[in-house]
C-alpha atoms as a PDB file:
ATOM      1  CA  MET A   1      59.671-119.821 -19.232  1.00  0.00           C
ATOM      2  CA  ALA A   2      57.880-122.542 -21.173  1.00  0.00           C
ATOM      3  CA  ARG A   3      56.710-125.701 -19.452  1.00  0.00           C
ATOM      4  CA  ILE A   4      58.612-128.851 -20.289  1.00  0.00           C
ATOM      5  CA  THR A   5      56.218-131.629 -21.133  1.00  0.00           C
ATOM      6  CA  ASP A   6      57.271-135.232 -20.767  1.00  0.00           C
ATOM      7  CA  GLN A   7      54.897-137.111 -23.097  1.00  0.00           C
ATOM      8  CA  SER A   8      55.480-140.399 -21.293  1.00  0.00           C
ATOM      9  CA  LYS A   9      54.241-138.800 -18.053  1.00  0.00           C
ATOM     10  CA  ILE A  10      51.186-137.376 -19.830  1.00  0.00           C
ATOM     11  CA  GLU A  11      50.415-140.811 -21.291  1.00  0.00           C
ATOM     12  CA  ARG A  12      50.797-142.403 -17.854  1.00  0.00           C
ATOM     13  CA  LEU A  13      48.404-139.798 -16.411  1.00  0.00           C
ATOM     14  CA  LYS A  14      45.843-140.586 -19.108  1.00  0.00           C
ATOM     15  CA  LYS A  15      46.186-144.335 -18.672  1.00  0.00           C
ATOM     16  CA  SER A  16      45.935-144.085 -14.887  1.00  0.00           C
ATOM     17  CA  THR A  17      42.925-141.795 -15.128  1.00  0.00           C
ATOM     18  CA  MET A  18      40.984-144.233 -17.306  1.00  0.00           C
ATOM     19  CA  LYS A  19      41.957-147.169 -15.110  1.00  0.00           C
ATOM     20  CA  LEU A  20      41.041-145.440 -11.838  1.00  0.00           C
ATOM     21  CA  VAL A  21      37.769-144.003 -13.142  1.00  0.00           C
ATOM     22  CA  VAL A  22      36.816-147.548 -14.173  1.00  0.00           C
ATOM     23  CA  GLU A  23      37.855-148.957 -10.787  1.00  0.00           C
ATOM     24  CA  HIS A  24      36.562-146.188  -8.480  1.00  0.00           C
ATOM     25  CA  GLY A  25      34.133-144.096 -10.517  1.00  0.00           C
ATOM     26  CA  PHE A  26      34.548-140.441 -11.392  1.00  0.00           C
ATOM     27  CA  GLY A  27      34.192-139.304  -7.781  1.00  0.00           C
ATOM     28  CA  GLY A  28      36.629-141.880  -6.393  1.00  0.00           C
ATOM     29  CA  ALA A  29      39.487-141.169  -8.779  1.00  0.00           C
ATOM     30  CA  SER A  30      41.126-138.122  -7.189  1.00  0.00           C
ATOM     31  CA  ALA A  31      43.887-136.117  -8.859  1.00  0.00           C
ATOM     32  CA  SER A  32      46.360-137.202  -6.161  1.00  0.00           C
ATOM     33  CA  LEU A  33      45.422-140.883  -6.623  1.00  0.00           C
ATOM     34  CA  ILE A  34      45.791-140.537 -10.402  1.00  0.00           C
ATOM     35  CA  ALA A  35      49.194-138.845 -10.019  1.00  0.00           C
ATOM     36  CA  LYS A  36      50.364-141.528  -7.578  1.00  0.00           C
ATOM     37  CA  ASP A  37      49.234-144.355  -9.900  1.00  0.00           C
ATOM     38  CA  ALA A  38      50.962-142.644 -12.846  1.00  0.00           C
ATOM     39  CA  ASP A  39      54.126-142.187 -10.755  1.00  0.00           C
ATOM     40  CA  VAL A  40      54.197-138.410 -11.190  1.00  0.00           C
ATOM     41  CA  ALA A  41      53.955-135.593  -8.688  1.00  0.00           C
ATOM     42  CA  THR A  42      50.508-134.148  -8.037  1.00  0.00           C
ATOM     43  CA  GLY A  43      51.976-130.774  -8.995  1.00  0.00           C
ATOM     44  CA  TYR A  44      52.865-132.178 -12.416  1.00  0.00           C
ATOM     45  CA  PHE A  45      49.212-133.174 -12.844  1.00  0.00           C
ATOM     46  CA  TYR A  46      48.068-129.615 -12.054  1.00  0.00           C
ATOM     47  CA  MET A  47      50.781-128.129 -14.234  1.00  0.00           C
ATOM     48  CA  HIS A  48      49.021-129.684 -17.252  1.00  0.00           C
ATOM     49  CA  TYR A  49      45.363-129.943 -16.185  1.00  0.00           C
ATOM     50  CA  LYS A  50      43.269-127.484 -14.196  1.00  0.00           C
ATOM     51  CA  SER A  51      41.294-130.316 -12.625  1.00  0.00           C
ATOM     52  CA  LYS A  52      40.471-133.984 -12.738  1.00  0.00           C
ATOM     53  CA  TYR A  53      37.297-133.025 -14.616  1.00  0.00           C
ATOM     54  CA  GLU A  54      39.360-131.403 -17.389  1.00  0.00           C
ATOM     55  CA  LEU A  55      41.525-134.514 -17.852  1.00  0.00           C
ATOM     56  CA  VAL A  56      38.565-136.925 -17.721  1.00  0.00           C
ATOM     57  CA  ASN A  57      36.633-134.749 -20.155  1.00  0.00           C
ATOM     58  CA  THR A  58      39.618-134.668 -22.530  1.00  0.00           C
ATOM     59  CA  LEU A  59      39.861-138.459 -22.432  1.00  0.00           C
ATOM     60  CA  LEU A  60      36.120-138.888 -22.903  1.00  0.00           C
ATOM     61  CA  HIS A  61      36.238-136.474 -25.825  1.00  0.00           C
ATOM     62  CA  ASP A  62      39.005-138.578 -27.415  1.00  0.00           C
ATOM     63  CA  VAL A  63      37.040-141.813 -26.994  1.00  0.00           C
ATOM     64  CA  TYR A  64      33.801-140.215 -28.243  1.00  0.00           C
ATOM     65  CA  GLN A  65      35.643-138.718 -31.213  1.00  0.00           C
ATOM     66  CA  GLU A  66      36.960-142.146 -32.125  1.00  0.00           C
ATOM     67  CA  VAL A  67      33.424-143.566 -31.997  1.00  0.00           C
ATOM     68  CA  ILE A  68      31.915-140.617 -33.891  1.00  0.00           C
ATOM     69  CA  SER A  69      34.581-140.820 -36.614  1.00  0.00           C
ATOM     70  CA  LYS A  70      33.854-144.518 -37.081  1.00  0.00           C
ATOM     71  CA  PHE A  71      30.088-143.890 -37.169  1.00  0.00           C
ATOM     72  CA  GLU A  72      30.537-141.103 -39.739  1.00  0.00           C
ATOM     73  CA  GLU A  73      32.660-143.437 -41.863  1.00  0.00           C
ATOM     74  CA  ILE A  74      29.998-146.165 -41.639  1.00  0.00           C
ATOM     75  CA  THR A  75      27.111-143.840 -42.488  1.00  0.00           C
ATOM     76  CA  HIS A  76      28.896-142.487 -45.565  1.00  0.00           C
ATOM     77  CA  LYS A  77      29.011-145.926 -47.131  1.00  0.00           C
ATOM     78  CA  ASP A  78      26.211-147.199 -49.339  1.00  0.00           C
ATOM     79  CA  LEU A  79      24.667-149.449 -46.676  1.00  0.00           C
ATOM     80  CA  SER A  80      21.143-150.164 -45.546  1.00  0.00           C
ATOM     81  CA  PHE A  81      19.841-148.954 -42.190  1.00  0.00           C
ATOM     82  CA  GLY A  82      20.220-152.447 -40.702  1.00  0.00           C
ATOM     83  CA  GLU A  83      23.775-152.811 -41.994  1.00  0.00           C
ATOM     84  CA  ILE A  84      24.750-149.466 -40.473  1.00  0.00           C
ATOM     85  CA  VAL A  85      23.280-150.415 -37.085  1.00  0.00           C
ATOM     86  CA  GLY A  86      25.096-153.756 -37.251  1.00  0.00           C
ATOM     87  CA  LYS A  87      28.429-152.104 -38.029  1.00  0.00           C
ATOM     88  CA  MET A  88      27.927-149.619 -35.178  1.00  0.00           C
ATOM     89  CA  ILE A  89      27.348-152.474 -32.742  1.00  0.00           C
ATOM     90  CA  ARG A  90      30.324-154.408 -34.141  1.00  0.00           C
ATOM     91  CA  HIS A  91      32.533-151.341 -33.611  1.00  0.00           C
ATOM     92  CA  PHE A  92      31.788-151.387 -29.869  1.00  0.00           C
ATOM     93  CA  PHE A  93      32.638-155.086 -29.705  1.00  0.00           C
ATOM     94  CA  SER A  94      35.886-154.412 -31.579  1.00  0.00           C
ATOM     95  CA  MET A  95      36.705-151.652 -29.118  1.00  0.00           C
ATOM     96  CA  ALA A  96      35.915-154.031 -26.235  1.00  0.00           C
ATOM     97  CA  ASN A  97      38.364-156.617 -27.594  1.00  0.00           C
ATOM     98  CA  LYS A  98      41.139-154.163 -28.487  1.00  0.00           C
ATOM     99  CA  ALA A  99      40.875-151.646 -25.620  1.00  0.00           C
ATOM    100  CA  PRO A 100      38.421-152.841 -22.952  1.00  0.00           C
ATOM    101  CA  VAL A 101      39.328-149.985 -20.612  1.00  0.00           C
ATOM    102  CA  LYS A 102      37.924-147.488 -23.152  1.00  0.00           C
ATOM    103  CA  LEU A 103      34.553-149.208 -23.226  1.00  0.00           C
ATOM    104  CA  LYS A 104      34.472-149.573 -19.444  1.00  0.00           C
ATOM    105  CA  PHE A 105      35.404-145.881 -19.174  1.00  0.00           C
ATOM    106  CA  LEU A 106      32.437-144.957 -21.409  1.00  0.00           C
ATOM    107  CA  TYR A 107      30.179-147.177 -19.316  1.00  0.00           C
ATOM    108  CA  VAL A 108      31.247-145.630 -16.014  1.00  0.00           C
ATOM    109  CA  LEU A 109      30.891-142.048 -17.216  1.00  0.00           C
ATOM    110  CA  THR A 110      27.529-142.556 -18.960  1.00  0.00           C
ATOM    111  CA  ASN A 111      26.201-143.970 -15.673  1.00  0.00           C
ATOM    112  CA  ASP A 112      27.758-141.448 -13.272  1.00  0.00           C
ATOM    113  CA  TYR A 113      25.418-138.634 -12.220  1.00  0.00           C
ATOM    114  CA  SER A 114      28.331-136.512 -11.014  1.00  0.00           C
ATOM    115  CA  PHE A 115      29.758-136.283 -14.536  1.00  0.00           C
ATOM    116  CA  LEU A 116      28.080-134.527 -17.447  1.00  0.00           C
ATOM    117  CA  ILE A 117      28.902-135.229 -21.071  1.00  0.00           C
ATOM    118  CA  GLU A 118      29.585-132.006 -22.940  1.00  0.00           C
ATOM    119  CA  LYS A 119      26.890-130.722 -25.290  1.00  0.00           C
ATOM    120  CA  GLU A 120      29.282-130.761 -28.271  1.00  0.00           C
ATOM    121  CA  MET A 121      29.859-134.511 -27.905  1.00  0.00           C
ATOM    122  CA  HIS A 122      26.165-135.174 -27.397  1.00  0.00           C
ATOM    123  CA  ASP A 123      25.258-133.098 -30.456  1.00  0.00           C
ATOM    124  CA  SER A 124      27.834-134.875 -32.658  1.00  0.00           C
ATOM    125  CA  VAL A 125      26.339-138.265 -31.853  1.00  0.00           C
ATOM    126  CA  PHE A 126      22.788-137.036 -32.365  1.00  0.00           C
ATOM    127  CA  LYS A 127      23.642-135.456 -35.710  1.00  0.00           C
ATOM    128  CA  ILE A 128      24.473-138.969 -36.957  1.00  0.00           C
ATOM    129  CA  LEU A 129      21.453-140.529 -35.242  1.00  0.00           C
ATOM    130  CA  ASN A 130      19.069-137.944 -36.750  1.00  0.00           C
ATOM    131  CA  VAL A 131      20.219-138.876 -40.256  1.00  0.00           C
ATOM    132  CA  LEU A 132      20.082-142.588 -39.447  1.00  0.00           C
ATOM    133  CA  THR A 133      16.568-142.267 -38.021  1.00  0.00           C
ATOM    134  CA  PHE A 134      15.383-140.399 -41.105  1.00  0.00           C
ATOM    135  CA  ASP A 135      16.881-143.075 -43.371  1.00  0.00           C
ATOM    136  CA  GLY A 136      15.356-145.878 -41.309  1.00  0.00           C
ATOM    137  CA  HIS A 137      11.908-144.269 -41.380  1.00  0.00           C
ATOM    138  CA  SER A 138      12.014-143.397 -45.075  1.00  0.00           C
ATOM    139  CA  THR A 139      13.049-146.929 -46.093  1.00  0.00           C
ATOM    140  CA  GLY A 140      10.561-148.589 -43.745  1.00  0.00           C
ATOM    141  CA  GLN A 141      13.312-150.416 -41.846  1.00  0.00           C
ATOM    142  CA  LEU A 142      12.757-148.525 -38.585  1.00  0.00           C
ATOM    143  CA  ASP A 143       9.556-148.344 -36.581  1.00  0.00           C
ATOM    144  CA  LYS A 144       8.079-144.839 -37.054  1.00  0.00           C
ATOM    145  CA  GLU A 145       7.674-144.448 -33.282  1.00  0.00           C
ATOM    146  CA  ILE A 146      11.424-144.750 -32.701  1.00  0.00           C
ATOM    147  CA  GLN A 147      13.152-141.372 -32.542  1.00  0.00           C
ATOM    148  CA  PRO A 148      16.874-140.453 -32.336  1.00  0.00           C
ATOM    149  CA  ALA A 149      16.889-140.545 -28.509  1.00  0.00           C
ATOM    150  CA  ASP A 150      15.407-144.053 -28.654  1.00  0.00           C
ATOM    151  CA  LEU A 151      18.012-145.103 -31.209  1.00  0.00           C
ATOM    152  CA  TYR A 152      20.709-143.749 -28.884  1.00  0.00           C
ATOM    153  CA  LEU A 153      19.409-145.903 -26.029  1.00  0.00           C
ATOM    154  CA  ILE A 154      18.784-149.014 -28.111  1.00  0.00           C
ATOM    155  CA  VAL A 155      21.928-149.052 -30.248  1.00  0.00           C
ATOM    156  CA  ILE A 156      24.591-147.200 -28.246  1.00  0.00           C
ATOM    157  CA  ILE A 157      23.735-147.373 -24.550  1.00  0.00           C
ATOM    158  CA  ASN A 158      22.293-150.884 -24.762  1.00  0.00           C
ATOM    159  CA  THR A 159      25.436-152.162 -26.535  1.00  0.00           C
ATOM    160  CA  ILE A 160      27.725-150.588 -23.934  1.00  0.00           C
ATOM    161  CA  GLN A 161      25.535-152.025 -21.138  1.00  0.00           C
ATOM    162  CA  TYR A 162      25.431-155.481 -22.746  1.00  0.00           C
ATOM    163  CA  ILE A 163      29.215-155.656 -23.097  1.00  0.00           C
ATOM    164  CA  ASN A 164      29.773-154.445 -19.545  1.00  0.00           C
ATOM    165  CA  GLN A 165      27.291-156.964 -18.196  1.00  0.00           C
ATOM    166  CA  CYS A 166      29.428-159.653 -19.855  1.00  0.00           C
ATOM    167  CA  TYR A 167      32.504-158.199 -18.138  1.00  0.00           C
ATOM    168  CA  LYS A 168      30.780-158.237 -14.758  1.00  0.00           C
ATOM    169  CA  SER A 169      29.613-161.838 -15.001  1.00  0.00           C
ATOM    170  CA  ALA A 170      32.907-163.226 -16.355  1.00  0.00           C
ATOM    171  CA  GLN A 171      35.413-164.980 -14.141  1.00  0.00           C
ATOM    172  CA  LYS A 172      38.281-164.171 -16.512  1.00  0.00           C
ATOM    173  CA  GLU A 173      39.195-161.860 -19.378  1.00  0.00           C
ATOM    174  CA  VAL A 174      36.388-161.557 -21.915  1.00  0.00           C
ATOM    175  CA  ILE A 175      37.087-161.937 -25.625  1.00  0.00           C
ATOM    176  CA  PHE A 176      33.978-161.365 -27.699  1.00  0.00           C
ATOM    177  CA  LYS A 177      33.325-163.509 -30.738  1.00  0.00           C
ATOM    178  CA  LYS A 178      31.269-162.894 -33.861  1.00  0.00           C
ATOM    179  CA  LYS A 179      28.405-164.964 -32.399  1.00  0.00           C
ATOM    180  CA  ASP A 180      28.193-162.503 -29.464  1.00  0.00           C
ATOM    181  CA  GLU A 181      27.944-159.591 -31.897  1.00  0.00           C
ATOM    182  CA  ASP A 182      25.429-161.434 -34.073  1.00  0.00           C
ATOM    183  CA  HIS A 183      23.218-162.175 -31.076  1.00  0.00           C
ATOM    184  CA  LEU A 184      23.057-158.542 -29.947  1.00  0.00           C
ATOM    185  CA  ILE A 185      22.473-157.366 -33.526  1.00  0.00           C
ATOM    186  CA  TYR A 186      19.621-159.864 -33.812  1.00  0.00           C
ATOM    187  CA  LEU A 187      18.032-158.608 -30.574  1.00  0.00           C
ATOM    188  CA  THR A 188      18.510-154.966 -31.573  1.00  0.00           C
ATOM    189  CA  ASN A 189      16.943-155.486 -34.998  1.00  0.00           C
ATOM    190  CA  LYS A 190      13.922-157.167 -33.363  1.00  0.00           C
ATOM    191  CA  VAL A 191      13.352-154.020 -31.303  1.00  0.00           C
ATOM    192  CA  LEU A 192      13.894-151.564 -34.175  1.00  0.00           C
ATOM    193  CA  LYS A 193      11.774-153.190 -36.879  1.00  0.00           C
ATOM    194  CA  PRO A 194       8.303-151.885 -37.650  1.00  0.00           C
ATOM    195  CA  VAL A 195       5.487-153.959 -36.207  1.00  0.00           C
END
């Protein structure tokens, strides 16, 4: 007999998972807590996901895929290295304004030692960064000492950290403005430029 899937329950599970991982970390967001927050039975959770790790990984894959698709779109345009980096940073700010829980979710999982990002996701990001690094080096817009792993830290991780630091220090909801984006792009370009 086929399982009956209630899409509204699945969506509630996904939403609750992101919310609780942000609030309690990967380790603190148990399957039973997620099910309770989503107002579904724990058995319903396990009927659709083998484990909390599977659901979290699925959600992370979706968020990463969204970011990767945007980065691929940006890199296929006729833009300079600096323009591409700027648009990548602006995409994270846009995500922060439209769906802050997604950015917070990325932040939590990239900083949680008990959760490993799958190799496929890692490789997809680095495929883009390898091309971007080559372009930056060949046009003289990127310091020759900066490699793809450095670009990952400077452009991606630093942007996620910067935005989350703003969330932590704010007393109310944060809405980022163009001047916030411009400032981080300015700082990032200072670090990336050849000496």
